[in-house]
Amino acid sequence: MEAAAADYLARQGVKVIARNFRIRGGEIDLVCEEGNTIVFVEVRSRRRKDYGSAAESISWSKRKRLILAARGWLMRHGMRACRFDCVLFDGGRLTWIKNAFSADLD
């Protein structure tokens, strides 16, 4: 699903600059650039809704790990304006949520 999300974002004019960025305690599926903004993207998929939607699967603890990884990326590559997006696949349908959540990264 990450490859499909990266392809979709690229078609929307978003440049994918890293995939599966990891640090101890966190991972970001896609790190992208849109204009001067770094976009940290979480990709989630659900084929069935028995356990909730793809969006519902992004728990508070998952967001904390994303924020931790984002801090790590920004420390290595320089602080810049950033946002957290989600690309969700529910039953094969893709939804891109810009600014899915916010965090204080200072």
Protein backbone atom coordinates (compact mmCIF):
# COMPACT_ATOMS: atom_id res chain seq x y z
CA MET A 1 0.00 0.00 0.00
CA GLU A 2 2.91 2.38 0.65
CA ALA A 3 3.98 2.18 -2.99
CA ALA A 4 0.43 2.99 -4.14
CA ALA A 5 0.29 5.91 -1.68
CA ALA A 6 3.67 7.22 -2.87
CA ASP A 7 2.54 6.98 -6.51
CA TYR A 8 -0.70 8.80 -5.72
CA LEU A 9 1.09 11.59 -3.84
CA ALA A 10 3.62 11.98 -6.66
CA ARG A 11 0.76 12.41 -9.13
CA GLN A 12 -0.58 15.17 -6.85
CA GLY A 13 2.75 17.02 -7.04
CA VAL A 14 4.15 15.84 -3.72
CA LYS A 15 7.80 14.73 -3.85
CA VAL A 16 8.61 11.55 -1.90
CA ILE A 17 12.07 11.98 -0.36
CA ALA A 18 12.26 8.99 2.01
CA ARG A 19 10.42 5.76 2.72
CA ASN A 20 10.22 3.86 5.99
CA PHE A 21 12.34 6.28 8.00
CA ARG A 22 13.12 4.63 11.33
CA ILE A 23 14.62 5.63 14.61
CA ARG A 24 14.47 3.83 17.92
CA GLY A 25 10.86 4.02 19.02
CA GLY A 26 9.29 5.31 15.82
CA GLU A 27 8.82 4.98 12.08
CA ILE A 28 7.38 7.14 9.31
CA ASP A 29 6.05 5.42 6.20
CA LEU A 30 6.74 8.29 3.80
CA VAL A 31 8.61 11.56 4.17
CA CYS A 32 7.59 13.97 1.44
CA GLU A 33 8.05 17.54 0.38
CA GLU A 34 5.29 19.82 -0.83
CA GLY A 35 6.62 23.26 -1.60
CA ASN A 36 8.69 24.29 1.44
CA THR A 37 6.83 21.94 3.79
CA ILE A 38 8.01 18.53 4.94
CA VAL A 39 5.08 16.11 4.99
CA PHE A 40 5.22 13.06 7.25
CA VAL A 41 2.78 10.49 5.90
CA GLU A 42 1.25 7.53 7.70
CA VAL A 43 -0.24 4.92 5.36
CA ARG A 44 -2.97 2.66 6.75
CA SER A 45 -5.15 0.02 5.17
CA ARG A 46 -8.26 -1.91 6.12
CA ARG A 47 -9.97 -4.40 3.85
CA ARG A 48 -12.87 -4.91 6.21
CA LYS A 49 -14.43 -2.74 8.89
CA ASP A 50 -14.66 -5.47 11.54
CA TYR A 51 -11.96 -3.70 13.56
CA GLY A 52 -12.73 -0.14 12.51
CA SER A 53 -11.59 2.04 9.67
CA ALA A 54 -8.03 2.74 8.60
CA ALA A 55 -8.23 6.16 10.26
CA GLU A 56 -9.43 4.63 13.54
CA SER A 57 -6.35 2.40 13.58
CA ILE A 58 -4.07 5.41 14.16
CA SER A 59 -4.07 5.40 17.94
CA TRP A 60 -2.65 8.00 20.29
CA SER A 61 0.39 5.79 20.91
CA LYS A 62 0.95 5.45 17.14
CA ARG A 63 0.82 9.24 16.80
CA LYS A 64 3.38 9.58 19.60
CA ARG A 65 5.74 7.24 17.70
CA LEU A 66 5.22 9.22 14.49
CA ILE A 67 6.01 12.47 16.30
CA LEU A 68 9.14 10.93 17.81
CA ALA A 69 10.34 9.81 14.37
CA ALA A 70 9.49 13.21 12.86
CA ARG A 71 11.60 14.94 15.51
CA GLY A 72 14.45 12.59 14.65
CA TRP A 73 14.14 13.31 10.94
CA LEU A 74 14.04 17.08 11.49
CA MET A 75 17.05 16.96 13.82
CA ARG A 76 19.06 15.14 11.14
CA HIS A 77 17.90 17.20 8.19
CA GLY A 78 17.15 20.61 9.70
CA MET A 79 14.06 22.09 11.26
CA ARG A 80 11.44 23.15 8.72
CA ALA A 81 7.75 23.70 8.51
CA CYS A 82 6.05 20.32 8.57
CA ARG A 83 2.71 18.57 8.82
CA PHE A 84 1.32 15.09 9.37
CA ASP A 85 -0.85 13.56 6.64
CA CYS A 86 -2.51 10.17 6.33
CA VAL A 87 -3.20 8.15 3.23
CA LEU A 88 -5.93 5.67 4.03
CA PHE A 89 -7.16 2.66 2.12
CA ASP A 90 -10.58 1.43 3.22
CA GLY A 91 -11.85 -1.43 1.10
CA GLY A 92 -9.53 -0.34 -1.70
CA ARG A 93 -10.73 3.29 -1.64
CA LEU A 94 -7.93 5.84 -1.14
CA THR A 95 -8.41 8.93 1.03
CA TRP A 96 -5.69 11.54 1.59
CA ILE A 97 -6.09 13.55 4.79
CA LYS A 98 -3.85 16.61 4.95
CA ASN A 99 -2.98 17.88 8.44
CA ALA A 100 -4.48 14.76 9.99
CA PHE A 101 -3.09 15.79 13.38
CA SER A 102 -0.67 18.33 14.77
CA ALA A 103 2.25 18.26 17.13
CA ASP A 104 4.61 20.70 18.79
CA LEU A 105 8.00 19.64 17.43
CA ASP A 106 10.13 22.41 18.98
